[in-house]
Amino acid sequence: MANKNLNFIDLFGGCGGLSLGLEQAGFEPLLFNEINSSARFTYKENIKHRFDPIIIEDVKTLTSNKIDELKSEWKANGIKDIDLIAGGPPCWGYSNIGIRRTFKTDKVNIGTNHLYKHMARVIEAIEPKMFLFENVRGLLNARWTSDGEKSEIWNDVRNTFQSIDGYTAEPDLVYCYDYGVPQNRPRIIIVGIRDDINNINELNKPCNGRLPDKSSKSIPNIKDWIGDLVDPEYRLTLTTSKYPTNAQSEIQKEFRTHGDKIFKKGDSLSNHDYSKHKQEIIEKFQYMINNDGQIPENMKTKKFSQRVLPEFWKNGKPNITVTSLPDDYVHYSQPRSLTVREWARLQTFPDSFIFHGPRTTGGRRRAGEPGDMFEKREIPQYTQIGNAVPVKMAYKFGKHFTKILS
């Protein structure tokens, strides 16, 4: 493989949202790591006609000897330097939401919460020009134990990456809507640059200049993102296999573009299947749509969160975050939860990106078990999307990194 493009390694890559955005920005994947079979299969099926990276299931198999072998192989193919290592170690255990829903356990006991150390170890061994760490905002205040110090996990994570010899690393908290994504979705980012690379230090800019400037453009409303997917006949078969309309906005044209083709009304559409709601649930959702999201007393449950997706942003900025659960939001005009394709649109995946594995699954199977480091838990399509880095944000990060590396 000729080293014509910038290259990268994606650790804990999930279904490939971060990878796809970096690819669109001009990076070529050399290695992809993901332990879950469904998420890994989604990535492999979507990348197979573009690139052929080495795929590693478990990051722990990237031992010193294995890394030396890979470096020799890359060097033999003309790749003397790795440009970027990027990754978001599983964040479920850092989030109070995930823990509250299923477990009562200290975060120190959750094995996946320590995988950031493996990412740092791989960075130290491979010595890329840059690295990117991404995770949830909950990491900032998380405690290892219930009686631990506030922010102790974040302090350990930040110190681990800032202590990597030969790098200057800067952290920051960013919001996805600042990079063209129709979500609030705050993320903690650490960007490290190797000391021999043109280092930057631009104060008052994201990550002191290591991330792109925030966009000043307003974010189009929800209807602009998914309005073309509304099928008035969806209840007949609970699936929409062809586009019900032509694109109605520039964003929709962008999602429907694949190569030189823009998908039109009647063209095949994937992952647009609907949940079969009970009649009382349909009535509840319709009431919520008609009454500005309010739920009548006799329909209230102990569910953690359920909101009507706003057709228009009330304050001009997105106030939603795509999660791993399909029924956290009700569609803005139809009494139903969102489909996988609509969920993917809000994470800025193109319609040509097809998701594989179970569409959804039971809460306990999705949550997994702490004793096996959650490695056996199921990652259905909705969770693959909810766990992903938004493609558009990854793309903008990647374009900025190309400027730094040039």
Protein backbone atom coordinates (compact mmCIF):
# COMPACT_ATOMS: atom_id res chain seq x y z
CA MET A 1 0.00 0.00 0.00
CA ALA A 2 1.51 3.32 -1.04
CA ASN A 3 1.56 6.00 1.62
CA LYS A 4 -0.19 8.65 -0.47
CA ASN A 5 -2.84 9.64 2.05
CA LEU A 6 -2.70 10.45 5.71
CA ASN A 7 -3.34 7.30 7.73
CA PHE A 8 -4.96 6.45 11.04
CA ILE A 9 -5.75 3.73 13.55
CA ASP A 10 -9.20 3.57 15.14
CA LEU A 11 -9.39 1.92 18.57
CA PHE A 12 -12.74 0.89 20.11
CA GLY A 13 -14.22 1.85 16.75
CA GLY A 14 -17.78 0.55 17.17
CA CYS A 15 -19.65 0.55 13.87
CA GLY A 16 -17.26 3.09 12.35
CA GLY A 17 -18.69 6.61 12.69
CA LEU A 18 -15.32 8.13 13.61
CA SER A 19 -13.59 6.12 10.91
CA LEU A 20 -16.05 7.16 8.22
CA GLY A 21 -15.67 10.86 9.05
CA LEU A 22 -11.88 10.62 9.01
CA GLU A 23 -11.99 8.74 5.70
CA GLN A 24 -14.15 11.48 4.21
CA ALA A 25 -11.51 13.97 5.40
CA GLY A 26 -8.79 12.13 3.49
CA PHE A 27 -7.40 9.67 6.03
CA GLU A 28 -6.82 6.01 5.18
CA PRO A 29 -7.51 3.38 7.86
CA LEU A 30 -4.61 1.04 8.65
CA LEU A 31 -6.09 -0.75 11.64
CA PHE A 32 -9.55 -0.96 13.19
CA ASN A 33 -10.28 -2.38 16.64
CA GLU A 34 -13.72 -3.42 17.92
CA ILE A 35 -14.56 -6.35 20.18
CA ASN A 36 -18.31 -6.58 19.56
CA SER A 37 -19.19 -8.84 16.64
CA SER A 38 -22.30 -6.95 15.45
CA ALA A 39 -20.64 -3.53 15.44
CA ARG A 40 -17.52 -5.00 13.85
CA PHE A 41 -19.59 -6.68 11.11
CA THR A 42 -21.36 -3.38 10.37
CA TYR A 43 -17.97 -1.72 9.92
CA LYS A 44 -16.58 -4.51 7.74
CA GLU A 45 -19.62 -4.59 5.46
CA ASN A 46 -19.53 -0.84 4.92
CA ILE A 47 -15.80 -0.49 4.33
CA LYS A 48 -15.09 -3.57 2.20
CA HIS A 49 -15.32 -1.73 -1.12
CA ARG A 50 -13.18 1.22 0.02
CA PHE A 51 -10.27 0.01 2.14
CA ASP A 52 -8.86 -3.18 3.61
CA PRO A 53 -7.52 -2.32 7.07
CA ILE A 54 -6.24 -4.86 9.58
CA ILE A 55 -9.12 -5.62 11.95
CA ILE A 56 -8.33 -6.45 15.56
CA GLU A 57 -11.08 -7.65 17.89
CA ASP A 58 -9.52 -7.12 21.33
CA VAL A 59 -7.18 -4.20 21.99
CA LYS A 60 -5.39 -6.31 24.57
CA THR A 61 -4.03 -8.50 21.75
CA LEU A 62 -2.01 -5.50 20.56
CA THR A 63 1.02 -6.61 22.58
CA SER A 64 4.48 -5.13 22.16
CA ASN A 65 5.46 -8.01 19.87
CA LYS A 66 2.31 -7.65 17.77
CA ILE A 67 2.84 -3.90 17.44
CA ASP A 68 6.46 -4.45 16.37
CA GLU A 69 5.22 -6.86 13.68
CA LEU A 70 2.69 -4.35 12.43
CA LYS A 71 5.23 -1.53 12.34
CA SER A 72 7.60 -3.71 10.30
CA GLU A 73 4.78 -4.62 7.91
CA TRP A 74 3.75 -0.99 7.46
CA LYS A 75 7.36 0.08 6.94
CA ALA A 76 7.79 -2.58 4.26
CA ASN A 77 4.81 -1.04 2.49
CA GLY A 78 6.28 2.44 2.58
CA ILE A 79 4.54 3.68 5.74
CA LYS A 80 7.24 5.01 8.03
CA ASP A 81 5.00 7.03 10.32
CA ILE A 82 1.46 6.71 11.65
CA ASP A 83 -0.35 10.02 11.39
CA LEU A 84 -3.19 9.53 13.88
CA ILE A 85 -4.46 7.15 16.53
CA ALA A 86 -8.05 7.91 17.47
CA GLY A 87 -10.42 6.23 19.85
CA GLY A 88 -13.22 6.46 22.33
CA PRO A 89 -12.87 3.70 24.94
CA PRO A 90 -16.31 2.37 25.96
CA CYS A 91 -18.04 5.18 27.83
CA TRP A 92 -21.06 3.31 29.20
CA GLY A 93 -19.39 2.74 32.55
CA TYR A 94 -18.50 6.42 32.95
CA SER A 95 -22.11 7.47 32.49
CA ASN A 96 -24.42 7.63 35.49
CA ILE A 97 -27.32 6.95 33.14
CA GLY A 98 -26.13 3.51 32.09
CA ILE A 99 -25.18 2.48 35.60
CA ARG A 100 -28.42 3.71 37.15
CA ARG A 101 -30.52 1.84 34.64
CA THR A 102 -29.05 -1.57 35.34
CA PHE A 103 -26.38 -1.81 38.04
CA LYS A 104 -25.36 -0.65 41.46
CA THR A 105 -21.60 -1.03 41.42
CA ASP A 106 -18.53 1.13 41.79
CA LYS A 107 -16.99 2.22 38.51
CA VAL A 108 -13.61 0.88 39.57
CA ASN A 109 -15.11 -2.63 39.30
CA ILE A 110 -16.12 -2.18 35.66
CA GLY A 111 -13.28 -3.52 33.56
CA THR A 112 -14.07 -1.46 30.46
CA ASN A 113 -13.53 1.73 32.47
CA HIS A 114 -9.80 0.96 32.45
CA LEU A 115 -9.41 0.45 28.70
CA TYR A 116 -8.13 4.00 28.25
CA LYS A 117 -4.83 2.69 29.64
CA HIS A 118 -4.55 0.32 26.69
CA MET A 119 -5.12 3.19 24.29
CA ALA A 120 -2.31 5.15 25.96
CA ARG A 121 -0.09 2.06 25.82
CA VAL A 122 -0.67 1.64 22.08
CA ILE A 123 0.06 5.34 21.49
CA GLU A 124 3.34 5.03 23.41
CA ALA A 125 4.35 1.98 21.36
CA ILE A 126 3.38 3.26 17.91
CA GLU A 127 4.26 6.94 18.41
CA PRO A 128 1.80 8.52 15.95
CA LYS A 129 2.10 12.16 14.98
CA MET A 130 -1.23 12.88 16.69
CA PHE A 131 -3.81 11.19 18.87
CA LEU A 132 -7.47 11.86 19.61
CA PHE A 133 -9.32 10.65 22.72
CA GLU A 134 -13.11 11.08 22.81
CA ASN A 135 -15.63 10.36 25.55
CA VAL A 136 -18.77 11.44 27.41
CA ARG A 137 -19.06 14.54 29.59
CA GLY A 138 -19.94 12.31 32.55
CA LEU A 139 -16.28 11.36 32.70
CA LEU A 140 -15.47 14.84 34.06
CA ASN A 141 -17.24 14.30 37.40
CA ALA A 142 -17.09 10.52 37.74
CA ARG A 143 -15.79 8.81 40.88
CA TRP A 144 -14.09 5.41 41.00
CA THR A 145 -16.04 4.56 44.17
CA SER A 146 -19.17 5.94 45.79
CA ASP A 147 -17.08 7.62 48.50
CA GLY A 148 -14.31 8.69 46.11
CA GLU A 149 -13.34 12.19 45.09
CA LYS A 150 -15.36 13.99 42.45
CA SER A 151 -13.53 14.01 39.06
CA GLU A 152 -11.00 11.39 40.18
CA ILE A 153 -11.56 9.26 37.06
CA TRP A 154 -11.10 12.27 34.79
CA ASN A 155 -7.94 13.27 36.61
CA ASP A 156 -6.53 9.76 36.07
CA VAL A 157 -7.51 9.70 32.39
CA ARG A 158 -6.20 13.21 31.65
CA ASN A 159 -2.93 12.59 33.50
CA THR A 160 -2.45 9.29 31.65
CA PHE A 161 -2.59 10.95 28.23
CA GLN A 162 -0.76 14.12 29.23
CA SER A 163 2.05 12.00 30.67
CA ILE A 164 2.79 10.20 27.39
CA ASP A 165 6.43 11.05 26.72
CA GLY A 166 7.11 13.18 23.67
CA TYR A 167 3.61 14.68 23.32
CA THR A 168 1.76 17.82 24.28
CA ALA A 169 -1.90 17.03 24.94
CA GLU A 170 -4.78 19.44 25.51
CA PRO A 171 -8.31 18.59 26.73
CA ASP A 172 -11.57 20.39 26.04
CA LEU A 173 -15.33 19.99 26.28
CA VAL A 174 -17.13 20.44 22.97
CA TYR A 175 -20.75 20.33 21.82
CA CYS A 176 -21.64 18.51 18.63
CA TYR A 177 -23.89 21.30 17.34
CA ASP A 178 -20.76 23.45 17.05
CA TYR A 179 -19.67 21.11 14.26
CA GLY A 180 -22.87 20.87 12.24
CA VAL A 181 -24.52 17.97 14.08
CA PRO A 182 -28.23 18.29 15.06
CA GLN A 183 -27.55 17.41 18.69
CA ASN A 184 -26.39 18.98 21.92
CA ARG A 185 -24.24 15.91 22.75
CA PRO A 186 -21.35 17.28 24.85
CA ARG A 187 -18.08 15.34 24.45
CA ILE A 188 -14.77 15.47 26.29
CA ILE A 189 -11.84 15.51 23.88
CA ILE A 190 -8.08 15.20 24.34
CA VAL A 191 -5.84 15.93 21.36
CA GLY A 192 -2.13 15.16 21.56
CA ILE A 193 0.55 16.28 19.10
CA ARG A 194 4.02 14.78 18.95
CA ASP A 195 6.68 17.27 19.97
CA ASP A 196 8.55 17.13 16.63
CA ILE A 197 5.40 18.15 14.73
CA ASN A 198 4.56 21.82 14.20
CA ASN A 199 2.93 22.36 17.57
CA ILE A 200 0.22 24.94 18.03
CA ASN A 201 -1.07 26.88 20.99
CA GLU A 202 -3.92 29.16 20.02
CA LEU A 203 -5.66 30.32 23.17
CA ASN A 204 -9.44 30.75 23.20
CA LYS A 205 -9.81 28.12 20.49
CA PRO A 206 -11.01 24.52 21.03
CA CYS A 207 -8.21 22.42 22.52
CA ASN A 208 -5.97 25.50 22.13
CA GLY A 209 -6.22 25.21 18.37
CA ARG A 210 -5.98 21.44 18.12
CA LEU A 211 -9.66 21.26 17.15
CA PRO A 212 -11.42 23.30 14.46
CA ASP A 213 -13.20 26.55 15.27
CA LYS A 214 -16.85 26.31 16.17
CA SER A 215 -19.22 26.82 13.28
CA SER A 216 -21.22 30.04 13.26
CA LYS A 217 -23.90 28.53 11.03
CA SER A 218 -27.29 27.72 12.51
CA ILE A 219 -28.34 24.09 12.67
CA PRO A 220 -31.31 23.25 10.41
CA ASN A 221 -34.44 21.91 12.11
CA ILE A 222 -35.25 18.24 12.60
CA LYS A 223 -37.68 18.25 9.67
CA ASP A 224 -34.84 19.32 7.39
CA TRP A 225 -32.86 16.24 8.48
CA ILE A 226 -35.48 13.49 8.37
CA GLY A 227 -38.68 14.95 6.91
CA ASP A 228 -38.22 13.13 3.59
CA LEU A 229 -38.40 9.80 5.41
CA VAL A 230 -41.97 10.30 6.67
CA ASP A 231 -44.19 7.59 5.22
CA PRO A 232 -47.94 8.13 5.83
CA GLU A 233 -48.57 4.42 5.16
CA TYR A 234 -45.95 3.08 7.57
CA ARG A 235 -48.45 1.15 9.73
CA LEU A 236 -49.50 -1.11 6.86
CA THR A 237 -46.30 -3.17 6.81
CA LEU A 238 -44.18 -1.55 9.57
CA THR A 239 -41.38 -1.11 7.07
CA THR A 240 -40.56 1.44 4.37
CA SER A 241 -38.25 -0.19 1.85
CA LYS A 242 -38.35 2.61 -0.74
CA TYR A 243 -37.96 6.36 -0.38
CA PRO A 244 -41.49 7.79 0.06
CA THR A 245 -40.53 11.20 -1.43
CA ASN A 246 -37.71 12.98 -3.17
CA ALA A 247 -35.22 15.00 -1.13
CA GLN A 248 -36.73 18.20 0.25
CA SER A 249 -33.60 19.96 1.51
CA GLU A 250 -29.90 20.21 0.77
CA ILE A 251 -29.09 18.12 3.85
CA GLN A 252 -31.38 15.36 2.66
CA LYS A 253 -29.68 15.41 -0.76
CA GLU A 254 -26.35 15.05 1.02
CA PHE A 255 -27.56 11.99 2.96
CA ARG A 256 -29.06 10.46 -0.18
CA THR A 257 -25.94 10.91 -2.30
CA HIS A 258 -23.87 7.82 -3.02
CA GLY A 259 -21.12 8.34 -5.55
CA ASP A 260 -22.67 10.14 -8.52
CA LYS A 261 -26.21 9.07 -7.60
CA ILE A 262 -28.81 10.88 -5.49
CA PHE A 263 -31.46 8.43 -4.30
CA LYS A 264 -34.93 9.43 -5.53
CA LYS A 265 -38.51 8.55 -4.63
CA GLY A 266 -38.96 4.82 -5.18
CA ASP A 267 -35.28 3.91 -4.79
CA SER A 268 -34.39 1.25 -2.20
CA LEU A 269 -34.08 2.44 1.41
CA SER A 270 -32.46 0.41 4.21
CA ASN A 271 -32.93 0.25 8.00
CA HIS A 272 -36.30 2.02 7.92
CA ASP A 273 -38.34 -0.48 9.98
CA TYR A 274 -40.79 0.51 12.71
CA SER A 275 -41.52 -0.78 16.19
CA LYS A 276 -44.89 -2.49 16.65
CA HIS A 277 -46.34 -0.35 19.44
CA LYS A 278 -49.36 -1.37 21.46
CA GLN A 279 -52.49 0.73 20.94
CA GLU A 280 -52.18 2.41 24.34
CA ILE A 281 -48.60 3.40 23.51
CA ILE A 282 -49.72 4.88 20.19
CA GLU A 283 -52.39 6.87 22.04
CA LYS A 284 -49.83 8.05 24.58
CA PHE A 285 -47.41 9.17 21.86
CA GLN A 286 -50.19 10.95 19.93
CA TYR A 287 -51.22 12.77 23.09
CA MET A 288 -47.60 13.85 23.62
CA ILE A 289 -47.39 15.13 20.03
CA ASN A 290 -50.66 17.07 20.41
CA ASN A 291 -49.80 18.53 23.82
CA ASP A 292 -46.25 19.80 23.51
CA GLY A 293 -44.70 16.63 24.95
CA GLN A 294 -46.86 16.42 28.09
CA ILE A 295 -47.85 12.98 29.32
CA PRO A 296 -51.22 12.51 31.07
CA GLU A 297 -51.04 11.24 34.64
CA ASN A 298 -52.59 7.86 33.84
CA MET A 299 -49.95 7.23 31.16
CA LYS A 300 -46.84 8.18 33.12
CA THR A 301 -44.24 5.49 33.84
CA LYS A 302 -40.92 5.31 35.66
CA LYS A 303 -39.06 5.42 32.37
CA PHE A 304 -35.87 7.44 32.66
CA SER A 305 -36.54 9.77 29.72
CA GLN A 306 -39.05 10.15 26.94
CA ARG A 307 -39.58 13.26 24.87
CA VAL A 308 -41.18 14.29 21.61
CA LEU A 309 -38.51 15.09 19.06
CA PRO A 310 -38.89 18.81 18.36
CA GLU A 311 -39.78 19.57 14.75
CA PHE A 312 -38.13 22.98 15.22
CA TRP A 313 -35.41 24.01 17.66
CA LYS A 314 -37.15 26.19 20.23
CA ASN A 315 -34.10 28.30 21.05
CA GLY A 316 -32.28 27.98 17.74
CA LYS A 317 -29.94 25.25 19.02
CA PRO A 318 -30.36 21.48 19.21
CA ASN A 319 -31.34 20.25 22.67
CA ILE A 320 -31.29 16.50 22.05
CA THR A 321 -28.72 13.72 22.31
CA VAL A 322 -29.03 10.48 20.38
CA THR A 323 -28.81 7.61 22.86
CA SER A 324 -28.66 3.83 22.58
CA LEU A 325 -32.42 3.43 23.12
CA PRO A 326 -34.91 3.84 20.25
CA ASP A 327 -37.83 4.95 22.41
CA ASP A 328 -36.15 7.82 24.27
CA TYR A 329 -37.73 10.08 21.64
CA VAL A 330 -41.11 10.12 19.94
CA HIS A 331 -41.28 11.20 16.28
CA TYR A 332 -42.35 14.82 15.88
CA SER A 333 -45.36 14.05 13.64
CA GLN A 334 -46.13 10.34 13.93
CA PRO A 335 -46.97 8.42 17.16
CA ARG A 336 -43.95 6.12 17.10
CA SER A 337 -40.32 5.83 18.04
CA LEU A 338 -37.68 6.61 15.44
CA THR A 339 -36.35 4.07 12.98
CA VAL A 340 -32.70 3.05 12.71
CA ARG A 341 -32.37 5.15 9.53
CA GLU A 342 -33.76 8.25 11.22
CA TRP A 343 -31.52 7.63 14.23
CA ALA A 344 -28.54 7.32 11.87
CA ARG A 345 -29.45 10.57 10.08
CA LEU A 346 -29.25 12.42 13.40
CA GLN A 347 -25.75 10.96 13.87
CA THR A 348 -25.03 12.18 10.31
CA PHE A 349 -24.49 8.73 8.75
CA PRO A 350 -25.25 8.66 5.01
CA ASP A 351 -28.18 6.54 3.87
CA SER A 352 -25.78 4.25 2.01
CA PHE A 353 -24.31 3.15 5.37
CA ILE A 354 -26.19 -0.03 6.29
CA PHE A 355 -26.39 -1.29 9.88
CA HIS A 356 -26.23 -5.00 10.70
CA GLY A 357 -26.95 -7.19 13.71
CA PRO A 358 -30.16 -7.22 15.78
CA ARG A 359 -32.25 -4.09 15.39
CA THR A 360 -32.83 -3.88 19.14
CA THR A 361 -32.57 -6.20 22.12
CA GLY A 362 -33.47 -6.60 25.78
CA GLY A 363 -32.03 -4.17 28.31
CA ARG A 364 -30.03 -6.72 30.29
CA ARG A 365 -28.51 -8.31 27.19
CA ARG A 366 -27.64 -4.85 25.92
CA ALA A 367 -26.16 -3.84 29.27
CA GLY A 368 -24.03 -6.96 29.71
CA GLU A 369 -22.38 -8.07 32.94
CA PRO A 370 -19.55 -6.35 34.84
CA GLY A 371 -17.87 -9.70 35.55
CA ASP A 372 -17.01 -10.34 31.89
CA MET A 373 -16.05 -6.70 31.23
CA PHE A 374 -19.32 -6.35 29.26
CA GLU A 375 -17.58 -8.04 26.34
CA LYS A 376 -20.49 -10.44 25.79
CA ARG A 377 -23.20 -7.80 25.72
CA GLU A 378 -25.26 -7.34 22.60
CA ILE A 379 -24.82 -4.17 20.57
CA PRO A 380 -27.96 -3.80 18.44
CA GLN A 381 -28.24 -1.29 15.61
CA TYR A 382 -29.68 1.54 17.71
CA THR A 383 -26.86 1.16 20.24
CA GLN A 384 -24.24 1.04 17.50
CA ILE A 385 -25.54 4.41 16.31
CA GLY A 386 -25.88 5.90 19.79
CA ASN A 387 -22.33 4.88 20.68
CA ALA A 388 -20.83 6.32 17.50
CA VAL A 389 -18.98 9.59 16.98
CA PRO A 390 -21.15 11.72 14.65
CA VAL A 391 -19.72 11.38 11.16
CA LYS A 392 -19.89 15.09 10.35
CA MET A 393 -17.99 16.04 13.51
CA ALA A 394 -15.32 13.41 12.82
CA TYR A 395 -15.01 14.79 9.29
CA LYS A 396 -14.45 18.33 10.52
CA PHE A 397 -11.90 17.12 13.07
CA GLY A 398 -10.13 15.21 10.33
CA LYS A 399 -9.98 18.19 7.96
CA HIS A 400 -8.46 20.27 10.76
CA PHE A 401 -5.91 17.56 11.54
CA THR A 402 -4.82 17.50 7.90
CA LYS A 403 -3.97 21.19 8.20
CA ILE A 404 -1.91 20.57 11.33
CA LEU A 405 -0.12 17.60 9.78
CA SER A 406 0.60 19.39 6.52
